[in-house]
Amino acid sequence: MTLQERHANNPWLLTFYEEGLLEPGWAGELDDVELEYIKSELMKSPSLRRRWGFRPSAKRFSESYIRVVAMQGVPRKKK
């Protein structure tokens, strides 16, 4: 199942989740469908990768890191 299939009967809710899930720290605990949606969007967008703490050139994305960022936001770097 995809996010689009899950919310096919409610376009407003689909848009709400599509936008919200891409904000670091917004989603909380992800299910598998939400995780796959975020990973697919990260593959498409270098600027989104940067917002999620990945290098823009990254090709692989750690599921555990995505889950942490979805719940807590991007960790701040210590100086």
C-alpha atoms as a PDB file:
ATOM      1  CA  MET A   1       0.000   0.000   0.000  1.00  0.00           C
ATOM      2  CA  THR A   2       1.177   3.523  -0.742  1.00  0.00           C
ATOM      3  CA  LEU A   3       0.307   6.786   0.930  1.00  0.00           C
ATOM      4  CA  GLN A   4      -1.761   7.698  -2.138  1.00  0.00           C
ATOM      5  CA  GLU A   5      -3.744   4.443  -1.906  1.00  0.00           C
ATOM      6  CA  ARG A   6      -4.271   4.880   1.824  1.00  0.00           C
ATOM      7  CA  HIS A   7      -5.816   8.337   1.417  1.00  0.00           C
ATOM      8  CA  ALA A   8      -7.367   7.930  -2.051  1.00  0.00           C
ATOM      9  CA  ASN A   9     -10.845   8.803  -0.788  1.00  0.00           C
ATOM     10  CA  ASN A  10      -9.705  12.027   0.907  1.00  0.00           C
ATOM     11  CA  PRO A  11      -7.480  14.276  -1.253  1.00  0.00           C
ATOM     12  CA  TRP A  12      -7.236  16.951   1.450  1.00  0.00           C
ATOM     13  CA  LEU A  13      -5.858  14.430   3.956  1.00  0.00           C
ATOM     14  CA  LEU A  14      -3.430  13.080   1.348  1.00  0.00           C
ATOM     15  CA  THR A  15      -2.052  16.578   0.722  1.00  0.00           C
ATOM     16  CA  PHE A  16      -1.838  17.220   4.467  1.00  0.00           C
ATOM     17  CA  TYR A  17       0.246  14.071   5.011  1.00  0.00           C
ATOM     18  CA  GLU A  18       2.369  14.515   1.888  1.00  0.00           C
ATOM     19  CA  GLU A  19       3.438  17.968   3.079  1.00  0.00           C
ATOM     20  CA  GLY A  20       3.678  17.197   6.788  1.00  0.00           C
ATOM     21  CA  LEU A  21       5.696  14.000   6.486  1.00  0.00           C
ATOM     22  CA  LEU A  22       8.488  15.889   4.728  1.00  0.00           C
ATOM     23  CA  GLU A  23       8.988  18.256   7.686  1.00  0.00           C
ATOM     24  CA  PRO A  24      11.680  16.947  10.044  1.00  0.00           C
ATOM     25  CA  GLY A  25      10.207  16.391  13.498  1.00  0.00           C
ATOM     26  CA  TRP A  26       6.566  16.501  12.347  1.00  0.00           C
ATOM     27  CA  ALA A  27       5.589  12.873  11.875  1.00  0.00           C
ATOM     28  CA  GLY A  28       6.508  11.213  15.137  1.00  0.00           C
ATOM     29  CA  GLU A  29       6.695   7.440  14.876  1.00  0.00           C
ATOM     30  CA  LEU A  30       6.519   6.307  11.236  1.00  0.00           C
ATOM     31  CA  ASP A  31       4.783   3.256   9.881  1.00  0.00           C
ATOM     32  CA  ASP A  32       6.242   1.432   6.846  1.00  0.00           C
ATOM     33  CA  VAL A  33       4.070   3.299   4.310  1.00  0.00           C
ATOM     34  CA  GLU A  34       5.139   6.699   5.655  1.00  0.00           C
ATOM     35  CA  LEU A  35       8.794   5.641   5.749  1.00  0.00           C
ATOM     36  CA  GLU A  36       8.690   4.522   2.105  1.00  0.00           C
ATOM     37  CA  TYR A  37       7.041   7.791   1.074  1.00  0.00           C
ATOM     38  CA  ILE A  38       9.768   9.847   2.763  1.00  0.00           C
ATOM     39  CA  LYS A  39      12.525   7.698   1.249  1.00  0.00           C
ATOM     40  CA  SER A  40      11.050   8.041  -2.242  1.00  0.00           C
ATOM     41  CA  GLU A  41      10.882  11.828  -1.876  1.00  0.00           C
ATOM     42  CA  LEU A  42      14.458  11.963  -0.562  1.00  0.00           C
ATOM     43  CA  MET A  43      15.586  10.105  -3.693  1.00  0.00           C
ATOM     44  CA  LYS A  44      14.020  12.829  -5.865  1.00  0.00           C
ATOM     45  CA  SER A  45      15.201  16.011  -4.132  1.00  0.00           C
ATOM     46  CA  PRO A  46      18.728  17.094  -3.146  1.00  0.00           C
ATOM     47  CA  SER A  47      17.340  20.092  -1.217  1.00  0.00           C
ATOM     48  CA  LEU A  48      15.056  17.783   0.803  1.00  0.00           C
ATOM     49  CA  ARG A  49      18.054  15.570   1.566  1.00  0.00           C
ATOM     50  CA  ARG A  50      19.872  18.586   2.976  1.00  0.00           C
ATOM     51  CA  ARG A  51      16.856  19.554   5.146  1.00  0.00           C
ATOM     52  CA  TRP A  52      16.855  16.009   6.537  1.00  0.00           C
ATOM     53  CA  GLY A  53      20.573  16.126   7.378  1.00  0.00           C
ATOM     54  CA  PHE A  54      21.847  14.104   4.418  1.00  0.00           C
ATOM     55  CA  ARG A  55      24.388  15.282   1.877  1.00  0.00           C
ATOM     56  CA  PRO A  56      22.685  16.440  -1.337  1.00  0.00           C
ATOM     57  CA  SER A  57      24.654  13.768  -3.233  1.00  0.00           C
ATOM     58  CA  ALA A  58      23.547  10.923  -0.913  1.00  0.00           C
ATOM     59  CA  LYS A  59      22.175   7.825  -2.618  1.00  0.00           C
ATOM     60  CA  ARG A  60      21.461   5.659   0.440  1.00  0.00           C
ATOM     61  CA  PHE A  61      19.285   6.591   3.391  1.00  0.00           C
ATOM     62  CA  SER A  62      19.369   4.874   6.781  1.00  0.00           C
ATOM     63  CA  GLU A  63      15.874   3.872   7.880  1.00  0.00           C
ATOM     64  CA  SER A  64      16.812   4.317  11.519  1.00  0.00           C
ATOM     65  CA  TYR A  65      18.105   7.865  10.856  1.00  0.00           C
ATOM     66  CA  ILE A  66      14.944   8.774   8.916  1.00  0.00           C
ATOM     67  CA  ARG A  67      12.834   7.516  11.842  1.00  0.00           C
ATOM     68  CA  VAL A  68      14.843   9.614  14.334  1.00  0.00           C
ATOM     69  CA  VAL A  69      14.585  12.775  12.200  1.00  0.00           C
ATOM     70  CA  ALA A  70      10.850  12.212  11.651  1.00  0.00           C
ATOM     71  CA  MET A  71      10.361  12.045  15.413  1.00  0.00           C
ATOM     72  CA  GLN A  72      12.910  14.533  16.785  1.00  0.00           C
ATOM     73  CA  GLY A  73      14.001  16.722  13.885  1.00  0.00           C
ATOM     74  CA  VAL A  74      17.527  17.078  12.532  1.00  0.00           C
ATOM     75  CA  PRO A  75      20.156  16.774  15.276  1.00  0.00           C
ATOM     76  CA  ARG A  76      22.159  19.958  15.793  1.00  0.00           C
ATOM     77  CA  LYS A  77      25.895  19.744  15.235  1.00  0.00           C
ATOM     78  CA  LYS A  78      28.078  20.550  18.226  1.00  0.00           C
ATOM     79  CA  LYS A  79      30.744  23.190  17.628  1.00  0.00           C
END
